[in-house]
C-alpha atoms as a PDB file:
ATOM      1  CA  MET A   1    -157.653 -58.913  41.300  1.00  0.00           C
ATOM      2  CA  PHE A   2    -159.431 -55.706  42.464  1.00  0.00           C
ATOM      3  CA  LEU A   3    -157.329 -55.284  45.446  1.00  0.00           C
ATOM      4  CA  PHE A   4    -154.243 -55.783  42.896  1.00  0.00           C
ATOM      5  CA  LEU A   5    -155.375 -52.885  40.789  1.00  0.00           C
ATOM      6  CA  VAL A   6    -156.229 -50.530  43.692  1.00  0.00           C
ATOM      7  CA  ILE A   7    -152.429 -51.375  44.944  1.00  0.00           C
ATOM      8  CA  ALA A   8    -151.023 -50.652  41.416  1.00  0.00           C
ATOM      9  CA  LEU A   9    -153.185 -47.498  41.122  1.00  0.00           C
ATOM     10  CA  ALA A  10    -151.467 -46.056  44.463  1.00  0.00           C
ATOM     11  CA  VAL A  11    -148.078 -47.252  43.511  1.00  0.00           C
ATOM     12  CA  VAL A  12    -148.402 -44.938  40.198  1.00  0.00           C
ATOM     13  CA  VAL A  13    -149.964 -42.171  41.684  1.00  0.00           C
ATOM     14  CA  ALA A  14    -147.376 -42.072  44.596  1.00  0.00           C
ATOM     15  CA  ALA A  15    -144.696 -42.342  41.934  1.00  0.00           C
ATOM     16  CA  VAL A  16    -146.041 -39.638  39.748  1.00  0.00           C
ATOM     17  CA  THR A  17    -146.545 -37.122  43.008  1.00  0.00           C
ATOM     18  CA  LEU A  18    -142.704 -38.392  43.970  1.00  0.00           C
ATOM     19  CA  ALA A  19    -142.043 -36.901  40.419  1.00  0.00           C
ATOM     20  CA  VAL A  20    -143.798 -33.872  40.496  1.00  0.00           C
ATOM     21  CA  VAL A  21    -142.865 -32.602  44.001  1.00  0.00           C
ATOM     22  CA  GLY A  22    -139.530 -34.043  44.020  1.00  0.00           C
ATOM     23  CA  GLY A  23    -138.334 -37.320  46.202  1.00  0.00           C
ATOM     24  CA  GLY A  24    -135.802 -35.483  48.349  1.00  0.00           C
ATOM     25  CA  GLU A  25    -133.114 -35.523  45.826  1.00  0.00           C
ATOM     26  CA  GLY A  26    -131.759 -31.886  44.327  1.00  0.00           C
ATOM     27  CA  ASP A  27    -132.986 -28.562  45.572  1.00  0.00           C
ATOM     28  CA  GLY A  28    -136.569 -28.691  45.416  1.00  0.00           C
ATOM     29  CA  PRO A  29    -139.438 -29.902  43.041  1.00  0.00           C
ATOM     30  CA  LEU A  30    -138.887 -29.444  39.576  1.00  0.00           C
ATOM     31  CA  PRO A  31    -135.979 -27.225  38.129  1.00  0.00           C
ATOM     32  CA  GLU A  32    -136.922 -23.954  36.756  1.00  0.00           C
ATOM     33  CA  ALA A  33    -137.170 -23.864  33.224  1.00  0.00           C
ATOM     34  CA  ALA A  34    -135.734 -20.613  31.686  1.00  0.00           C
ATOM     35  CA  PRO A  35    -138.269 -18.868  29.592  1.00  0.00           C
ATOM     36  CA  GLU A  36    -138.558 -18.819  26.236  1.00  0.00           C
ATOM     37  CA  ARG A  37    -137.685 -15.351  25.052  1.00  0.00           C
ATOM     38  CA  LEU A  38    -138.190 -13.326  21.552  1.00  0.00           C
ATOM     39  CA  CYS A  39    -135.537 -14.753  19.268  1.00  0.00           C
ATOM     40  CA  ASP A  40    -135.734 -12.188  16.285  1.00  0.00           C
ATOM     41  CA  PHE A  41    -135.191  -8.909  17.955  1.00  0.00           C
ATOM     42  CA  LEU A  42    -135.954  -5.787  16.225  1.00  0.00           C
ATOM     43  CA  PRO A  43    -132.720  -3.933  15.412  1.00  0.00           C
ATOM     44  CA  PRO A  44    -131.963  -0.852  17.977  1.00  0.00           C
ATOM     45  CA  ASP A  45    -129.779   0.716  15.664  1.00  0.00           C
ATOM     46  CA  ARG A  46    -131.804   1.717  12.785  1.00  0.00           C
ATOM     47  CA  PRO A  47    -135.429   2.297  11.715  1.00  0.00           C
ATOM     48  CA  LEU A  48    -137.602  -0.681  10.968  1.00  0.00           C
ATOM     49  CA  ASN A  49    -138.409  -1.744   7.678  1.00  0.00           C
ATOM     50  CA  ARG A  50    -141.071  -4.139   6.350  1.00  0.00           C
ATOM     51  CA  ALA A  51    -138.572  -7.072   6.127  1.00  0.00           C
ATOM     52  CA  ASP A  52    -137.894  -6.641   9.969  1.00  0.00           C
ATOM     53  CA  VAL A  53    -141.779  -6.990  10.791  1.00  0.00           C
ATOM     54  CA  ASP A  54    -142.068  -9.756   8.641  1.00  0.00           C
ATOM     55  CA  SER A  55    -139.398 -11.782  10.069  1.00  0.00           C
ATOM     56  CA  LEU A  56    -140.591 -11.322  13.709  1.00  0.00           C
ATOM     57  CA  ARG A  57    -141.835 -14.243  15.477  1.00  0.00           C
ATOM     58  CA  PHE A  58    -142.883 -14.494  18.909  1.00  0.00           C
ATOM     59  CA  PRO A  59    -142.349 -17.490  21.000  1.00  0.00           C
ATOM     60  CA  LEU A  60    -145.204 -19.581  22.263  1.00  0.00           C
ATOM     61  CA  ALA A  61    -146.272 -19.473  26.100  1.00  0.00           C
ATOM     62  CA  ALA A  62    -148.426 -21.506  28.146  1.00  0.00           C
ATOM     63  CA  ARG A  63    -151.497 -19.555  26.805  1.00  0.00           C
ATOM     64  CA  GLY A  64    -150.336 -18.093  23.265  1.00  0.00           C
ATOM     65  CA  TYR A  65    -147.595 -15.433  23.190  1.00  0.00           C
ATOM     66  CA  ARG A  66    -145.531 -13.759  25.988  1.00  0.00           C
ATOM     67  CA  MET A  67    -147.336 -10.548  26.646  1.00  0.00           C
ATOM     68  CA  ALA A  68    -144.302  -8.811  27.491  1.00  0.00           C
ATOM     69  CA  ASP A  69    -142.363  -9.501  23.992  1.00  0.00           C
ATOM     70  CA  VAL A  70    -145.755  -8.515  22.088  1.00  0.00           C
ATOM     71  CA  ASP A  71    -146.072  -5.641  24.051  1.00  0.00           C
ATOM     72  CA  ASP A  72    -142.377  -4.242  23.443  1.00  0.00           C
ATOM     73  CA  ALA A  73    -142.672  -5.021  19.849  1.00  0.00           C
ATOM     74  CA  LEU A  74    -145.912  -3.035  19.386  1.00  0.00           C
ATOM     75  CA  GLY A  75    -144.660  -0.337  21.393  1.00  0.00           C
ATOM     76  CA  ARG A  76    -141.595   0.034  19.264  1.00  0.00           C
ATOM     77  CA  LEU A  77    -143.868  -0.052  16.297  1.00  0.00           C
ATOM     78  CA  GLY A  78    -146.138   2.350  17.581  1.00  0.00           C
ATOM     79  CA  ALA A  79    -143.296   4.721  18.687  1.00  0.00           C
ATOM     80  CA  GLU A  80    -141.702   4.518  15.166  1.00  0.00           C
ATOM     81  CA  LEU A  81    -144.903   4.940  13.321  1.00  0.00           C
ATOM     82  CA  SER A  82    -145.341   8.075  15.217  1.00  0.00           C
ATOM     83  CA  GLU A  83    -142.121   9.388  14.477  1.00  0.00           C
ATOM     84  CA  ARG A  84    -142.653   8.903  10.654  1.00  0.00           C
ATOM     85  CA  ASP A  85    -146.087  10.521  10.997  1.00  0.00           C
ATOM     86  CA  ALA A  86    -144.461  13.660  12.564  1.00  0.00           C
ATOM     87  CA  ARG A  87    -141.683  13.663   9.970  1.00  0.00           C
ATOM     88  CA  ILE A  88    -144.305  13.300   7.259  1.00  0.00           C
ATOM     89  CA  ALA A  89    -146.303  16.273   8.723  1.00  0.00           C
ATOM     90  CA  ASP A  90    -143.015  18.534   8.848  1.00  0.00           C
ATOM     91  CA  LEU A  91    -142.243  17.741   5.481  1.00  0.00           C
ATOM     92  CA  GLU A  92    -145.874  18.290   4.088  1.00  0.00           C
ATOM     93  CA  SER A  93    -145.734  21.674   5.869  1.00  0.00           C
ATOM     94  CA  ALA A  94    -142.374  22.511   4.333  1.00  0.00           C
ATOM     95  CA  LEU A  95    -143.614  21.540   0.937  1.00  0.00           C
ATOM     96  CA  ALA A  96    -146.856  23.725   1.435  1.00  0.00           C
ATOM     97  CA  GLY A  97    -144.611  26.723   2.470  1.00  0.00           C
ATOM     98  CA  ALA A  98    -142.362  26.450  -0.366  1.00  0.00           C
ATOM     99  CA  ARG A  99    -145.314  26.013  -2.762  1.00  0.00           C
ATOM    100  CA  ALA A 100    -146.761  29.249  -1.203  1.00  0.00           C
ATOM    101  CA  ALA A 101    -143.584  31.145  -1.651  1.00  0.00           C
ATOM    102  CA  ILE A 102    -143.039  30.010  -5.331  1.00  0.00           C
ATOM    103  CA  SER A 103    -146.672  31.081  -6.010  1.00  0.00           C
ATOM    104  CA  HIS A 104    -146.100  34.427  -4.436  1.00  0.00           C
ATOM    105  CA  VAL A 105    -142.871  35.089  -6.314  1.00  0.00           C
ATOM    106  CA  SER A 106    -144.580  34.002  -9.622  1.00  0.00           C
ATOM    107  CA  MET A 107    -147.741  36.474  -9.019  1.00  0.00           C
ATOM    108  CA  GLU A 108    -145.206  39.205  -8.544  1.00  0.00           C
ATOM    109  CA  LYS A 109    -143.314  38.422 -11.741  1.00  0.00           C
ATOM    110  CA  HIS A 110    -146.571  38.625 -13.576  1.00  0.00           C
ATOM    111  CA  ALA A 111    -147.876  41.736 -11.833  1.00  0.00           C
ATOM    112  CA  ARG A 112    -144.655  43.967 -12.446  1.00  0.00           C
ATOM    113  CA  PRO A 113    -144.767  43.723 -16.210  1.00  0.00           C
ATOM    114  CA  LYS A 114    -148.396  45.036 -16.020  1.00  0.00           C
ATOM    115  CA  GLU A 115    -147.273  48.002 -14.107  1.00  0.00           C
ATOM    116  CA  GLN A 116    -144.605  49.105 -16.110  1.00  0.00           C
ATOM    117  CA  GLN A 117    -146.750  49.492 -19.200  1.00  0.00           C
END
């Protein structure tokens, strides 16, 4: 009985090895599987909005997420946030300049009537 189990185990190990390595059929061992890529691409033709980020789903890889997909998405989000921060800073600067000009004009209007009296 023990000899039968050893022979059965050897046959199973040989079959699994041939299945993984390839039994001489086809081009090689196992066929290459196409890598799973990011399905919900970020729109390249417009700025991102909250719904784009909420719907973003990364495919799973052997040990978590594919680093290239996550890096691409985070790079895009970082670039757009930098652009928006720069635009906000420009608008705040323009607003401060406009407020200063308005206060300067209003001070001149208040100063002129006093000079005429």
